[in-house]
Amino acid sequence: GKTLEERYRLDAQIGTGGFGNVYRATHVRLKRQVAVKVLHAQHATGAGAARFEREAQALAAMSHPNVVEVVDYGVADGTPYIVME
């Protein structure tokens, strides 16, 4: 699959929504399975990108057994993404 910033290999799409797609992925160096949410291209700039970044920050600030943990956030080739446990 596609690789984001030479760190995350997108193995398979596991979900889709109005703002992005979620992939089962592998952290290339750590060989760890993660989930990566990638923002759709039409939302990758302006207000959509800002909202996505706020989502990442809000999730990263939470610590609860029923909330997925955010482990990374980045932008690859102009497309924002969130990496989750």
N, C-alpha and C. Protein backbone atom coordinates (compact mmCIF):
# COMPACT_ATOMS: atom_id res chain seq x y z
N GLY A 1 0.80 -1.19 0.00
CA GLY A 1 0.00 0.00 0.00
C GLY A 1 0.85 1.26 0.00
N LYS A 2 0.18 2.37 -0.01
CA LYS A 2 0.82 3.68 0.03
C LYS A 2 1.50 3.91 1.37
N THR A 3 2.59 4.65 1.35
CA THR A 3 3.30 4.98 2.59
C THR A 3 3.23 6.47 2.84
N LEU A 4 2.93 6.85 4.10
CA LEU A 4 2.89 8.26 4.50
C LEU A 4 4.19 8.60 5.19
N GLU A 5 4.91 9.56 4.66
CA GLU A 5 6.15 10.07 5.24
C GLU A 5 7.14 8.96 5.62
N GLU A 6 7.14 7.88 4.87
CA GLU A 6 8.05 6.75 5.08
C GLU A 6 7.91 6.11 6.46
N ARG A 7 6.80 6.41 7.16
CA ARG A 7 6.59 5.86 8.51
C ARG A 7 5.41 4.92 8.59
N TYR A 8 4.34 5.22 7.87
CA TYR A 8 3.11 4.44 7.98
C TYR A 8 2.73 3.87 6.62
N ARG A 9 2.61 2.54 6.55
CA ARG A 9 2.17 1.87 5.34
C ARG A 9 0.67 1.61 5.46
N LEU A 10 -0.13 2.14 4.55
CA LEU A 10 -1.57 1.93 4.56
C LEU A 10 -1.85 0.56 3.96
N ASP A 11 -2.34 -0.37 4.78
CA ASP A 11 -2.53 -1.75 4.35
C ASP A 11 -3.90 -2.01 3.75
N ALA A 12 -4.96 -1.47 4.35
CA ALA A 12 -6.32 -1.71 3.84
C ALA A 12 -7.26 -0.65 4.38
N GLN A 13 -8.20 -0.23 3.56
CA GLN A 13 -9.22 0.72 4.01
C GLN A 13 -10.22 -0.04 4.87
N ILE A 14 -10.53 0.52 6.06
CA ILE A 14 -11.46 -0.15 6.97
C ILE A 14 -12.71 0.68 7.23
N GLY A 15 -12.73 1.93 6.74
CA GLY A 15 -13.89 2.77 6.93
C GLY A 15 -13.81 4.02 6.09
N THR A 16 -14.96 4.66 5.90
CA THR A 16 -15.00 5.92 5.17
C THR A 16 -16.13 6.78 5.74
N GLY A 17 -15.96 8.06 5.60
CA GLY A 17 -16.97 8.99 6.10
C GLY A 17 -16.96 10.26 5.27
N GLY A 18 -17.69 11.25 5.71
CA GLY A 18 -17.82 12.49 4.98
C GLY A 18 -16.54 13.29 4.87
N PHE A 19 -15.64 13.14 5.85
CA PHE A 19 -14.42 13.95 5.86
C PHE A 19 -13.16 13.15 5.55
N GLY A 20 -13.22 11.82 5.69
CA GLY A 20 -11.98 11.08 5.45
C GLY A 20 -12.18 9.58 5.39
N ASN A 21 -11.07 8.90 5.15
CA ASN A 21 -11.02 7.44 5.13
C ASN A 21 -10.14 6.97 6.27
N VAL A 22 -10.47 5.79 6.81
CA VAL A 22 -9.67 5.19 7.86
C VAL A 22 -9.05 3.91 7.31
N TYR A 23 -7.75 3.75 7.58
CA TYR A 23 -7.01 2.60 7.08
C TYR A 23 -6.38 1.81 8.22
N ARG A 24 -6.32 0.49 8.05
CA ARG A 24 -5.46 -0.33 8.88
C ARG A 24 -4.07 -0.11 8.32
N ALA A 25 -3.13 0.20 9.18
CA ALA A 25 -1.79 0.56 8.72
C ALA A 25 -0.74 -0.05 9.63
N THR A 26 0.50 0.02 9.17
CA THR A 26 1.63 -0.48 9.94
C THR A 26 2.66 0.62 10.08
N HIS A 27 3.12 0.85 11.32
CA HIS A 27 4.26 1.74 11.53
C HIS A 27 5.46 0.97 11.00
N VAL A 28 6.09 1.48 9.96
CA VAL A 28 7.11 0.73 9.23
C VAL A 28 8.29 0.34 10.12
N ARG A 29 8.79 1.25 10.91
CA ARG A 29 9.98 0.96 11.71
C ARG A 29 9.68 0.14 12.96
N LEU A 30 8.55 0.40 13.59
CA LEU A 30 8.21 -0.29 14.83
C LEU A 30 7.44 -1.58 14.60
N LYS A 31 6.97 -1.79 13.37
CA LYS A 31 6.17 -2.98 13.03
C LYS A 31 4.91 -3.07 13.90
N ARG A 32 4.33 -1.92 14.19
CA ARG A 32 3.15 -1.83 15.05
C ARG A 32 1.93 -1.53 14.21
N GLN A 33 0.82 -2.24 14.48
CA GLN A 33 -0.43 -1.98 13.79
C GLN A 33 -1.09 -0.73 14.38
N VAL A 34 -1.57 0.14 13.50
CA VAL A 34 -2.25 1.37 13.89
C VAL A 34 -3.43 1.61 12.95
N ALA A 35 -4.25 2.58 13.29
CA ALA A 35 -5.30 3.06 12.40
C ALA A 35 -4.92 4.47 11.97
N VAL A 36 -5.08 4.77 10.69
CA VAL A 36 -4.74 6.09 10.17
C VAL A 36 -5.98 6.68 9.49
N LYS A 37 -6.40 7.85 9.96
CA LYS A 37 -7.50 8.58 9.35
C LYS A 37 -6.90 9.65 8.45
N VAL A 38 -7.26 9.60 7.16
CA VAL A 38 -6.72 10.53 6.17
C VAL A 38 -7.86 11.41 5.67
N LEU A 39 -7.66 12.70 5.73
CA LEU A 39 -8.68 13.66 5.31
C LEU A 39 -8.87 13.60 3.80
N HIS A 40 -10.12 13.64 3.34
CA HIS A 40 -10.41 13.70 1.90
C HIS A 40 -9.76 14.95 1.30
N ALA A 41 -9.30 14.84 0.07
CA ALA A 41 -8.58 15.93 -0.62
C ALA A 41 -9.39 17.23 -0.64
N GLN A 42 -10.70 17.16 -0.84
CA GLN A 42 -11.51 18.38 -0.94
C GLN A 42 -11.60 19.14 0.39
N HIS A 43 -11.21 18.50 1.50
CA HIS A 43 -11.23 19.15 2.81
C HIS A 43 -9.83 19.43 3.35
N ALA A 44 -8.80 19.16 2.55
CA ALA A 44 -7.42 19.19 3.04
C ALA A 44 -6.84 20.59 3.23
N THR A 45 -7.57 21.62 2.89
CA THR A 45 -7.10 23.00 3.10
C THR A 45 -8.19 23.81 3.79
N GLY A 46 -7.81 24.96 4.28
CA GLY A 46 -8.76 25.90 4.87
C GLY A 46 -9.45 25.38 6.11
N ALA A 47 -10.77 25.63 6.18
CA ALA A 47 -11.55 25.30 7.36
C ALA A 47 -11.58 23.80 7.65
N GLY A 48 -11.63 22.98 6.61
CA GLY A 48 -11.65 21.53 6.81
C GLY A 48 -10.39 21.03 7.47
N ALA A 49 -9.26 21.52 7.02
CA ALA A 49 -7.98 21.11 7.61
C ALA A 49 -7.87 21.60 9.05
N ALA A 50 -8.33 22.81 9.32
CA ALA A 50 -8.28 23.36 10.67
C ALA A 50 -9.17 22.54 11.61
N ARG A 51 -10.35 22.17 11.14
CA ARG A 51 -11.26 21.35 11.95
C ARG A 51 -10.64 19.98 12.24
N PHE A 52 -10.00 19.38 11.26
CA PHE A 52 -9.35 18.09 11.41
C PHE A 52 -8.23 18.15 12.45
N GLU A 53 -7.44 19.22 12.40
CA GLU A 53 -6.36 19.39 13.37
C GLU A 53 -6.93 19.56 14.79
N ARG A 54 -8.02 20.32 14.92
CA ARG A 54 -8.67 20.47 16.24
C ARG A 54 -9.18 19.13 16.75
N GLU A 55 -9.71 18.30 15.83
CA GLU A 55 -10.17 16.96 16.21
C GLU A 55 -9.00 16.15 16.77
N ALA A 56 -7.86 16.20 16.10
CA ALA A 56 -6.67 15.47 16.56
C ALA A 56 -6.24 15.97 17.94
N GLN A 57 -6.24 17.28 18.13
CA GLN A 57 -5.83 17.85 19.42
C GLN A 57 -6.80 17.48 20.52
N ALA A 58 -8.09 17.50 20.23
CA ALA A 58 -9.09 17.16 21.24
C ALA A 58 -8.97 15.69 21.65
N LEU A 59 -8.81 14.81 20.67
CA LEU A 59 -8.65 13.39 20.98
C LEU A 59 -7.36 13.12 21.75
N ALA A 60 -6.29 13.82 21.37
CA ALA A 60 -5.00 13.63 22.04
C ALA A 60 -5.05 14.09 23.50
N ALA A 61 -5.92 15.04 23.80
CA ALA A 61 -6.02 15.56 25.16
C ALA A 61 -6.84 14.65 26.08
N MET A 62 -7.55 13.70 25.49
CA MET A 62 -8.41 12.82 26.29
C MET A 62 -7.68 11.54 26.67
N SER A 63 -8.02 11.04 27.83
CA SER A 63 -7.50 9.75 28.27
C SER A 63 -8.65 9.01 28.94
N HIS A 64 -9.21 8.04 28.22
CA HIS A 64 -10.34 7.28 28.72
C HIS A 64 -10.34 5.92 28.03
N PRO A 65 -10.70 4.86 28.74
CA PRO A 65 -10.69 3.52 28.13
C PRO A 65 -11.59 3.38 26.90
N ASN A 66 -12.61 4.24 26.78
CA ASN A 66 -13.55 4.14 25.66
C ASN A 66 -13.25 5.13 24.53
N VAL A 67 -12.12 5.82 24.61
CA VAL A 67 -11.74 6.79 23.58
C VAL A 67 -10.40 6.34 22.98
N VAL A 68 -10.35 6.27 21.67
CA VAL A 68 -9.13 5.85 20.99
C VAL A 68 -8.01 6.85 21.28
N GLU A 69 -6.79 6.33 21.44
CA GLU A 69 -5.64 7.18 21.72
C GLU A 69 -5.00 7.65 20.41
N VAL A 70 -4.76 8.95 20.31
CA VAL A 70 -4.04 9.51 19.17
C VAL A 70 -2.55 9.40 19.46
N VAL A 71 -1.79 8.81 18.52
CA VAL A 71 -0.36 8.65 18.73
C VAL A 71 0.48 9.54 17.81
N ASP A 72 -0.15 10.14 16.78
CA ASP A 72 0.59 11.02 15.87
C ASP A 72 -0.40 11.81 15.03
N TYR A 73 0.09 12.92 14.51
CA TYR A 73 -0.67 13.76 13.58
C TYR A 73 0.35 14.31 12.60
N GLY A 74 -0.01 14.40 11.33
CA GLY A 74 0.92 14.95 10.36
C GLY A 74 0.22 15.35 9.08
N VAL A 75 1.03 15.85 8.15
CA VAL A 75 0.56 16.23 6.83
C VAL A 75 1.53 15.63 5.83
N ALA A 76 1.02 14.79 4.94
CA ALA A 76 1.83 14.14 3.92
C ALA A 76 1.35 14.59 2.55
N ASP A 77 2.22 15.20 1.79
CA ASP A 77 1.87 15.68 0.44
C ASP A 77 0.62 16.57 0.48
N GLY A 78 0.51 17.42 1.50
CA GLY A 78 -0.60 18.35 1.62
C GLY A 78 -1.86 17.76 2.21
N THR A 79 -1.83 16.49 2.60
CA THR A 79 -3.02 15.84 3.15
C THR A 79 -2.84 15.51 4.62
N PRO A 80 -3.65 16.09 5.49
CA PRO A 80 -3.55 15.82 6.93
C PRO A 80 -4.00 14.39 7.26
N TYR A 81 -3.39 13.83 8.32
CA TYR A 81 -3.77 12.52 8.79
C TYR A 81 -3.59 12.43 10.30
N ILE A 82 -4.37 11.54 10.91
CA ILE A 82 -4.30 11.25 12.35
C ILE A 82 -3.97 9.77 12.50
N VAL A 83 -3.01 9.45 13.37
CA VAL A 83 -2.65 8.05 13.65
C VAL A 83 -3.17 7.71 15.03
N MET A 84 -3.90 6.60 15.10
CA MET A 84 -4.52 6.17 16.35
C MET A 84 -4.12 4.74 16.68
N GLU A 85 -4.24 4.41 17.98
CA GLU A 85 -3.89 3.05 18.43
C GLU A 85 -4.71 2.02 17.70
